[in-house]
Protein backbone atom coordinates (compact mmCIF):
# COMPACT_ATOMS: atom_id res chain seq x y z
CA MET A 1 6.13 1.03 -15.72
CA LEU A 2 8.83 -1.55 -15.08
CA ALA A 3 11.12 -1.42 -18.08
CA GLY A 4 11.67 -5.06 -19.00
CA CYS A 5 8.06 -6.11 -19.04
CA ALA A 6 6.98 -2.76 -20.51
CA ASP A 7 9.22 -3.26 -23.54
CA GLU A 8 7.90 -6.79 -23.92
CA VAL A 9 4.30 -5.60 -23.99
CA GLU A 10 5.06 -2.77 -26.42
CA ARG A 11 6.45 -5.44 -28.80
CA GLY A 12 3.51 -7.73 -28.10
CA ARG A 13 1.83 -7.63 -31.52
CA MET A 14 5.04 -8.87 -33.16
CA CYS A 15 5.96 -11.36 -30.45
CA ALA A 16 2.78 -13.37 -30.92
CA VAL A 17 2.99 -13.83 -34.67
CA SER A 18 3.67 -17.34 -35.90
CA PRO A 19 6.38 -18.10 -38.50
CA VAL A 20 3.79 -18.12 -41.28
CA GLY A 21 2.43 -14.73 -40.23
CA ALA A 22 -0.80 -15.88 -38.59
CA GLN A 23 -1.66 -14.52 -35.16
CA LEU A 24 -2.06 -17.14 -32.47
CA THR A 25 -5.49 -17.26 -30.88
CA LEU A 26 -6.07 -17.90 -27.19
CA LYS A 27 -9.28 -18.49 -25.33
CA ILE A 28 -8.93 -16.18 -22.34
CA ALA A 29 -11.21 -16.47 -19.30
CA HIS A 30 -11.69 -13.30 -17.22
CA LEU A 31 -12.52 -14.03 -13.57
CA GLU A 32 -14.31 -11.22 -11.69
CA LEU A 33 -16.15 -12.28 -8.54
CA GLY A 34 -17.43 -8.90 -7.37
CA ARG A 35 -21.21 -8.60 -7.43
CA HIS A 36 -21.45 -4.85 -7.93
CA ALA A 37 -20.19 -2.49 -10.65
CA TYR A 38 -17.50 -0.86 -8.53
CA GLY A 39 -14.25 0.36 -10.06
CA GLY A 40 -12.63 -3.02 -10.69
CA ALA A 41 -15.65 -4.58 -12.37
CA GLU A 42 -16.04 -1.47 -14.51
CA GLN A 43 -12.46 -1.90 -15.74
CA VAL A 44 -13.22 -5.50 -16.74
CA ARG A 45 -16.17 -4.24 -18.75
CA TYR A 46 -13.98 -1.66 -20.49
CA VAL A 47 -11.45 -4.37 -21.42
CA LEU A 48 -14.07 -6.75 -22.78
CA GLU A 49 -15.88 -4.01 -24.71
CA GLY A 50 -12.61 -2.81 -26.20
CA LEU A 51 -11.53 -6.30 -27.22
CA HIS A 52 -14.80 -7.46 -28.79
CA GLU A 53 -13.10 -7.62 -32.21
CA ASP A 54 -9.78 -8.91 -30.89
CA HIS A 55 -8.44 -12.09 -32.52
CA HIS A 56 -8.39 -13.82 -29.12
CA GLU A 57 -11.59 -15.25 -27.65
CA HIS A 58 -12.73 -13.75 -24.35
CA LEU A 59 -14.99 -15.47 -21.81
CA LEU A 60 -16.28 -13.75 -18.66
CA ILE A 61 -16.65 -15.81 -15.46
CA THR A 62 -18.66 -14.02 -12.77
CA PRO A 63 -21.36 -14.77 -10.18
CA ALA A 64 -24.90 -15.23 -11.45
CA GLY A 65 -26.93 -12.07 -11.05
CA SER A 66 -23.92 -9.79 -10.62
CA ASP A 67 -23.96 -6.38 -12.29
CA LEU A 68 -21.25 -7.58 -14.66
CA ALA A 69 -23.21 -10.73 -15.57
CA GLN A 70 -26.26 -8.63 -16.39
CA TRP A 71 -24.17 -6.33 -18.59
CA ALA A 72 -22.59 -9.30 -20.40
CA GLU A 73 -25.93 -10.93 -21.10
CA ALA A 74 -27.36 -7.69 -22.49
CA ALA A 75 -24.25 -7.00 -24.58
CA GLY A 76 -23.93 -10.51 -26.04
CA GLN A 77 -20.58 -11.05 -24.28
CA PRO A 78 -19.83 -14.78 -23.69
CA VAL A 79 -20.32 -15.33 -19.96
CA CYS A 80 -20.38 -18.23 -17.52
CA ALA A 81 -22.29 -17.65 -14.29
CA VAL A 82 -20.65 -19.37 -11.31
CA ARG A 83 -21.53 -20.14 -7.72
CA PHE A 84 -19.10 -18.51 -5.29
CA ALA A 85 -19.59 -18.57 -1.52
CA GLY A 86 -16.73 -16.25 -0.54
CA GLU A 87 -12.99 -16.28 -0.13
CA HIS A 88 -13.05 -19.45 2.02
CA ASP A 89 -15.01 -21.43 -0.60
CA ILE A 90 -12.12 -23.80 -1.28
CA ALA A 91 -14.29 -26.07 -3.42
CA PHE A 92 -14.65 -23.17 -5.84
CA ALA A 93 -11.12 -23.86 -7.12
CA TRP A 94 -12.20 -27.38 -8.16
CA ARG A 95 -15.42 -26.12 -9.76
CA LEU A 96 -13.47 -23.44 -11.63
CA ARG A 97 -10.93 -26.01 -12.79
CA GLY A 98 -13.76 -28.07 -14.30
CA LEU A 99 -15.18 -25.02 -16.06
CA LEU A 100 -11.79 -24.03 -17.48
CA ARG A 101 -11.29 -27.51 -18.91
CA LYS A 102 -14.83 -27.79 -20.23
CA ARG A 103 -14.52 -24.47 -22.08
CA ASN A 104 -10.97 -25.24 -23.35
CA VAL A 105 -9.52 -22.10 -21.78
CA ASP A 106 -5.87 -21.37 -22.56
CA LEU A 107 -5.25 -18.49 -20.13
CA LEU A 108 -6.98 -17.32 -16.94
CA HIS A 109 -6.99 -13.61 -16.13
CA VAL A 110 -7.94 -13.00 -12.49
CA HIS A 111 -9.33 -9.49 -12.05
CA SER A 112 -10.61 -9.47 -8.48
CA ARG A 113 -9.43 -10.39 -5.04
CA ARG A 114 -11.88 -11.59 -2.33
CA GLY A 115 -10.49 -15.09 -2.76
CA ALA A 116 -10.17 -15.05 -6.54
CA ASP A 117 -6.52 -14.04 -6.25
CA TRP A 118 -5.58 -17.32 -4.56
CA LEU A 119 -8.36 -19.68 -5.69
CA GLY A 120 -7.84 -18.63 -9.31
CA PRO A 121 -4.21 -19.71 -9.58
CA VAL A 122 -4.98 -22.97 -7.76
CA ALA A 123 -7.71 -23.73 -10.32
CA ALA A 124 -5.41 -22.78 -13.18
CA ALA A 125 -2.70 -25.09 -11.87
CA LEU A 126 -5.20 -27.94 -11.65
CA ALA A 127 -6.33 -27.19 -15.21
CA GLY A 128 -2.72 -26.98 -16.44
CA ILE A 129 -2.94 -23.42 -17.84
CA PRO A 130 -1.11 -20.14 -17.09
CA VAL A 131 -2.72 -17.39 -15.04
CA ILE A 132 -2.28 -13.62 -14.72
CA LEU A 133 -3.59 -11.17 -12.12
CA SER A 134 -4.77 -7.57 -12.10
CA ARG A 135 -3.80 -6.16 -8.70
CA ARG A 136 -5.93 -3.16 -7.63
CA ILE A 137 -5.03 -2.64 -3.96
CA ASP A 138 -1.85 -1.21 -2.49
CA ASN A 139 -1.55 -3.20 0.73
CA PRO A 140 1.23 -5.82 0.93
CA PRO A 141 0.06 -9.37 0.09
CA ASP A 142 0.12 -11.98 2.83
CA ARG A 143 2.72 -14.76 2.77
CA TRP A 144 0.50 -17.30 0.99
CA LEU A 145 -0.39 -14.84 -1.77
CA ARG A 146 3.25 -13.72 -2.11
CA MET A 147 4.19 -17.33 -2.78
CA LEU A 148 1.54 -17.60 -5.50
CA MET A 149 2.67 -14.33 -7.02
CA ARG A 150 6.25 -15.54 -7.23
CA ARG A 151 5.52 -19.06 -8.46
CA ARG A 152 2.16 -19.25 -10.22
CA TYR A 153 1.34 -15.93 -11.84
CA ALA A 154 2.86 -15.48 -15.30
CA ARG A 155 2.31 -11.72 -15.01
CA ILE A 156 0.83 -9.32 -12.48
CA ILE A 157 -0.78 -6.18 -13.87
CA CYS A 158 -0.57 -3.28 -11.39
CA ILE A 159 -3.09 -0.50 -11.91
CA SER A 160 -0.67 2.08 -10.49
CA GLU A 161 3.03 2.53 -9.87
CA ALA A 162 2.28 2.58 -6.13
CA ILE A 163 1.00 -0.99 -6.28
CA ALA A 164 4.01 -2.10 -8.33
CA GLY A 165 6.28 -0.59 -5.69
CA VAL A 166 4.52 -2.43 -2.87
CA LEU A 167 4.81 -5.77 -4.68
CA LEU A 168 8.48 -5.21 -5.44
CA GLN A 169 9.12 -4.56 -1.75
CA SER A 170 7.21 -7.76 -0.99
CA GLY A 171 9.66 -9.78 -3.07
CA VAL A 172 7.67 -10.22 -6.27
CA PRO A 173 10.14 -10.33 -9.21
CA ALA A 174 10.28 -7.17 -11.30
CA ASP A 175 10.03 -9.09 -14.57
CA ALA A 176 6.62 -10.44 -13.52
CA LEU A 177 5.19 -6.94 -13.00
CA LEU A 178 3.89 -4.31 -15.35
CA THR A 179 1.76 -1.24 -14.82
CA ILE A 180 -1.38 -0.66 -16.83
CA ASN A 181 -3.25 2.28 -15.34
CA SER A 182 -6.98 2.01 -14.80
CA SER A 183 -9.00 4.16 -17.16
CA VAL A 184 -12.22 6.12 -17.41
CA ASP A 185 -14.77 6.71 -20.14
CA ALA A 186 -14.11 10.42 -20.52
CA VAL A 187 -16.99 10.85 -22.96
CA ALA A 188 -19.57 9.53 -20.48
CA TYR A 189 -18.45 11.89 -17.71
CA ALA A 190 -17.88 14.99 -19.85
CA PRO A 191 -19.45 18.23 -18.62
CA PRO A 192 -21.92 19.83 -18.59
CA ALA A 193 -24.01 17.74 -16.22
CA ARG A 194 -27.13 16.23 -17.72
CA ALA A 195 -28.81 16.26 -14.33
CA ASP A 196 -28.42 18.06 -10.99
CA ILE A 197 -27.26 15.90 -8.10
CA GLY A 198 -29.74 17.36 -5.62
CA THR A 199 -32.65 16.91 -7.99
CA CYS A 200 -31.58 13.32 -8.71
CA LEU A 201 -31.28 12.39 -5.04
CA THR A 202 -33.99 14.42 -3.30
CA GLY A 203 -36.17 15.95 -6.01
CA LYS A 204 -34.85 19.48 -5.56
CA PRO A 205 -31.43 21.24 -5.78
CA PHE A 206 -29.28 21.41 -2.69
CA PRO A 207 -29.04 24.92 -1.16
CA GLY A 208 -25.27 25.30 -1.53
CA PRO A 209 -22.08 23.63 -2.77
CA VAL A 210 -21.94 19.83 -2.85
CA ILE A 211 -19.03 17.62 -1.84
CA ALA A 212 -19.16 13.97 -2.90
CA VAL A 213 -17.27 10.96 -1.60
CA ILE A 214 -17.45 8.15 -4.15
CA ALA A 215 -16.22 5.05 -2.36
CA GLN A 216 -17.33 1.89 -0.61
CA LEU A 217 -18.35 2.49 3.00
CA ILE A 218 -15.39 0.61 4.46
CA GLU A 219 -12.72 1.58 6.97
CA ARG A 220 -9.82 2.29 4.64
CA LYS A 221 -11.82 4.81 2.58
CA GLY A 222 -11.66 7.25 5.52
CA HIS A 223 -15.20 8.70 5.54
CA ARG A 224 -14.86 9.48 9.26
CA TYR A 225 -12.15 12.04 8.60
CA LEU A 226 -14.53 14.12 6.51
CA ILE A 227 -17.29 13.72 9.10
CA ASP A 228 -14.86 15.01 11.74
CA ALA A 229 -13.82 17.94 9.50
CA LEU A 230 -17.37 18.92 8.59
CA PRO A 231 -18.27 21.11 11.63
CA SER A 232 -15.40 23.50 10.93
CA LEU A 233 -16.39 23.67 7.25
CA LEU A 234 -20.02 24.37 8.12
CA SER A 235 -18.99 27.34 10.22
CA LYS A 236 -17.76 28.94 7.00
CA PHE A 237 -20.09 27.27 4.46
CA PRO A 238 -23.41 26.76 6.31
CA ASN A 239 -25.23 25.49 3.21
CA LEU A 240 -22.66 22.81 2.39
CA THR A 241 -23.94 19.30 1.59
CA VAL A 242 -21.86 16.12 1.71
CA VAL A 243 -23.04 13.13 -0.33
CA PHE A 244 -21.64 9.66 0.34
CA LEU A 245 -22.03 7.60 -2.83
CA GLY A 246 -21.42 3.91 -2.22
CA ARG A 247 -22.40 0.95 -0.11
CA GLY A 248 -20.50 -1.02 2.49
CA ALA A 249 -20.27 -2.64 5.90
CA LEU A 250 -19.77 0.66 7.77
CA GLN A 251 -23.00 2.30 6.65
CA ALA A 252 -24.78 1.94 10.00
CA GLN A 253 -21.73 3.11 11.96
CA LEU A 254 -21.19 6.13 9.72
CA LYS A 255 -24.85 7.10 9.92
CA GLN A 256 -24.61 6.90 13.69
CA ALA A 257 -21.47 9.08 13.69
CA VAL A 258 -23.31 11.66 11.58
CA ALA A 259 -26.29 11.58 13.95
CA ASP A 260 -24.07 11.87 17.04
CA ALA A 261 -22.48 15.00 15.54
CA GLY A 262 -25.87 16.47 14.63
CA LEU A 263 -24.99 16.58 10.94
CA GLN A 264 -27.98 14.71 9.45
CA ARG A 265 -29.18 17.83 7.60
CA HIS A 266 -25.86 18.13 5.79
CA VAL A 267 -24.94 14.50 5.00
CA ILE A 268 -26.76 12.30 2.47
CA PHE A 269 -26.15 8.54 2.16
CA ALA A 270 -27.04 7.94 -1.48
CA GLY A 271 -25.83 4.37 -1.96
CA PHE A 272 -24.52 3.11 -5.28
CA ARG A 273 -25.78 5.11 -8.27
CA ALA A 274 -25.68 3.74 -11.79
CA ASP A 275 -26.44 7.26 -13.09
CA LEU A 276 -23.30 8.82 -11.58
CA ALA A 277 -22.08 10.10 -14.96
CA GLU A 278 -25.30 12.07 -15.41
CA PHE A 279 -24.83 14.30 -12.38
CA LEU A 280 -21.15 14.12 -11.37
CA PRO A 281 -20.22 17.31 -13.29
CA SER A 282 -22.71 19.19 -11.06
CA VAL A 283 -20.67 18.34 -7.94
CA ARG A 284 -18.34 21.06 -6.66
CA LEU A 285 -15.64 18.78 -5.21
CA VAL A 286 -14.89 15.10 -4.84
CA VAL A 287 -13.19 14.36 -1.52
CA HIS A 288 -11.24 11.12 -1.08
CA PRO A 289 -9.89 10.71 2.48
CA ALA A 290 -8.72 7.14 1.88
CA LEU A 291 -5.78 5.84 3.89
CA MET A 292 -5.03 3.14 1.31
CA GLU A 293 -5.85 3.16 -2.39
CA GLY A 294 -4.70 1.30 -5.48
CA LEU A 295 -5.44 4.20 -7.83
CA GLY A 296 -9.03 5.32 -7.36
CA VAL A 297 -11.27 5.03 -10.42
CA SER A 298 -13.72 7.49 -8.86
CA LEU A 299 -10.93 10.06 -8.91
CA LEU A 300 -10.49 9.56 -12.65
CA GLU A 301 -14.24 9.87 -13.10
CA ALA A 302 -14.19 13.16 -11.18
CA ALA A 303 -11.32 14.40 -13.35
CA ALA A 304 -13.20 13.49 -16.52
CA ALA A 305 -16.14 15.52 -15.19
CA GLU A 306 -13.83 18.53 -14.54
CA VAL A 307 -14.32 18.17 -10.79
CA PRO A 308 -11.18 18.77 -8.70
CA VAL A 309 -10.30 16.26 -5.97
CA VAL A 310 -9.18 16.85 -2.41
CA GLY A 311 -7.73 13.82 -0.67
CA PHE A 312 -5.00 12.18 1.34
CA ALA A 313 -1.63 11.59 -0.31
CA ALA A 314 -1.87 7.80 0.04
CA GLY A 315 -0.97 5.02 -2.38
CA GLY A 316 -2.18 5.45 -5.93
CA VAL A 317 -4.06 8.66 -5.09
CA GLU A 318 -0.77 10.48 -5.66
CA GLN A 319 -0.79 9.20 -9.24
CA ALA A 320 -4.49 9.83 -9.87
CA VAL A 321 -4.36 13.40 -8.54
CA ALA A 322 -1.62 15.85 -9.52
CA HIS A 323 -1.20 18.02 -6.43
CA GLU A 324 -1.75 21.74 -7.08
CA HIS A 325 -2.60 20.93 -10.71
CA THR A 326 -5.75 18.78 -10.73
CA GLY A 327 -6.52 18.88 -7.02
CA LEU A 328 -5.06 19.11 -3.54
CA LEU A 329 -3.48 16.37 -1.43
CA VAL A 330 -2.74 16.52 2.30
CA ALA A 331 -1.04 14.22 4.79
CA PRO A 332 -3.05 11.04 5.49
CA GLY A 333 -5.21 11.36 8.59
CA ASP A 334 -4.83 15.15 8.92
CA LYS A 335 -8.44 16.29 9.16
CA VAL A 336 -7.45 19.91 9.82
CA ALA A 337 -5.43 20.06 6.60
CA LEU A 338 -8.27 18.24 4.80
CA ALA A 339 -10.75 20.92 5.88
CA ALA A 340 -8.34 23.69 4.87
CA ALA A 341 -7.83 22.23 1.38
CA ILE A 342 -11.59 21.85 0.88
CA SER A 343 -12.15 25.40 2.06
CA ARG A 344 -9.51 26.71 -0.32
CA LEU A 345 -11.20 25.23 -3.37
CA LEU A 346 -14.68 26.22 -2.25
CA ASP A 347 -13.43 29.80 -1.81
CA ASP A 348 -11.39 30.23 -5.01
CA ALA A 349 -13.63 29.88 -8.09
CA ASP A 350 -10.80 30.58 -10.55
CA LEU A 351 -8.50 27.96 -9.01
CA HIS A 352 -11.39 25.49 -8.92
CA ARG A 353 -12.17 26.04 -12.60
CA GLN A 354 -8.54 25.78 -13.71
CA MET A 355 -7.91 22.59 -11.74
CA GLY A 356 -11.04 21.02 -13.18
CA GLN A 357 -9.94 21.81 -16.73
CA ASN A 358 -6.44 20.51 -16.00
CA ALA A 359 -7.90 17.30 -14.60
CA ARG A 360 -9.95 16.50 -17.69
CA GLN A 361 -7.02 17.21 -20.02
CA ARG A 362 -4.82 14.88 -17.97
CA VAL A 363 -7.39 12.06 -18.06
CA LEU A 364 -7.65 12.32 -21.83
CA ALA A 365 -3.86 12.16 -22.17
CA GLU A 366 -2.96 9.53 -19.56
CA PHE A 367 -5.98 7.46 -18.50
CA SER A 368 -7.94 6.72 -21.66
CA VAL A 369 -9.82 3.46 -22.16
CA ALA A 370 -8.25 3.02 -25.59
CA VAL A 371 -4.70 3.00 -24.21
CA MET A 372 -5.64 0.64 -21.38
CA VAL A 373 -7.30 -1.81 -23.78
CA GLN A 374 -4.38 -1.70 -26.21
CA ARG A 375 -1.91 -2.52 -23.44
CA HIS A 376 -3.98 -5.55 -22.41
CA ALA A 377 -4.20 -6.73 -26.02
CA ALA A 378 -0.44 -6.46 -26.39
CA LEU A 379 0.13 -8.45 -23.21
CA TYR A 380 -2.17 -11.25 -24.37
CA ASP A 381 -0.19 -11.45 -27.61
CA VAL A 382 3.08 -11.73 -25.68
CA LEU A 383 1.62 -14.53 -23.57
CA ALA A 384 0.31 -16.28 -26.70
CA GLY A 385 3.88 -16.44 -27.94
CA GLU A 386 5.05 -17.90 -24.64
CA ILE A 387 2.26 -20.49 -24.50
CA GLU A 388 3.13 -21.67 -28.03
């Protein structure tokens, strides 16, 4: 974490106390425009659940019908459903400004990108309130977003040190940045598995070890590298099954690549599964061949389930996975090394078991929901003092 802002957040509970000892209360709007409960939206849920008794008021703003909206309605979390037509929906900034004023919001916390990261601060400026951002991707921001980061965002929360490093190199001031790692509900993913993955997906167990890739089906997640590595793995492990868990724009292309390689019997496209925690501990390995990654919540989920990870040493993956301790990392794009690392962990049961145990212990120590929530609460208190 960057020292100046880290110290400020650690002092947060004292910084936001008024002279008469009363804590200042903000109404904080949380903007998450993703429709599905992928990693980022799950982190928003963790924050809001953890802060349900916080002295600040928290309002969720999310598209109608989204997974997060459905959770909020069921949980009694204050929520405003909004209409959002995509990152080029410029009128959304004006609609959001009206909502922020109508609900007397004091601070806007932007959690997602896809347009929210630039439309959010525009709306906040129009409403005359400060805005903060949670940055979850490790690619450099474009020029327009860099300008907003330097001039409009009061703070930028980076979910990994890798992201903080990228933003620093992009010219974002260090005192605007702090790192709050993403977290995982270690209780939900704790072994043993409550269901078998094969039985859940096909009605019967798979015949051999199972590798899972838990990621959106998009280019930067690198599914093709595992598809390319699979023939060599099958020559040694003929009963191996690969399960792709996730949805995305590349699904048709990836299915065609699997068919062209004659691998349909060994590759399952399972889509998004809300019951992942039930069967993840039954998976032998999670493989993450992503070329870019902010941190990788699915990697923390695997660790909580005592499942080692094999992946590319890219971005925040190097923070989520401790090489040779909780999993194995190889050079990005090296499919031969990827296959060798997978083979090593499929072959060595003792190493596999020890890495899985190490992974869960590390999640409990470094990536707990409680710590992540507390750091957010402290930041809000610091900002309350500044707004006063």
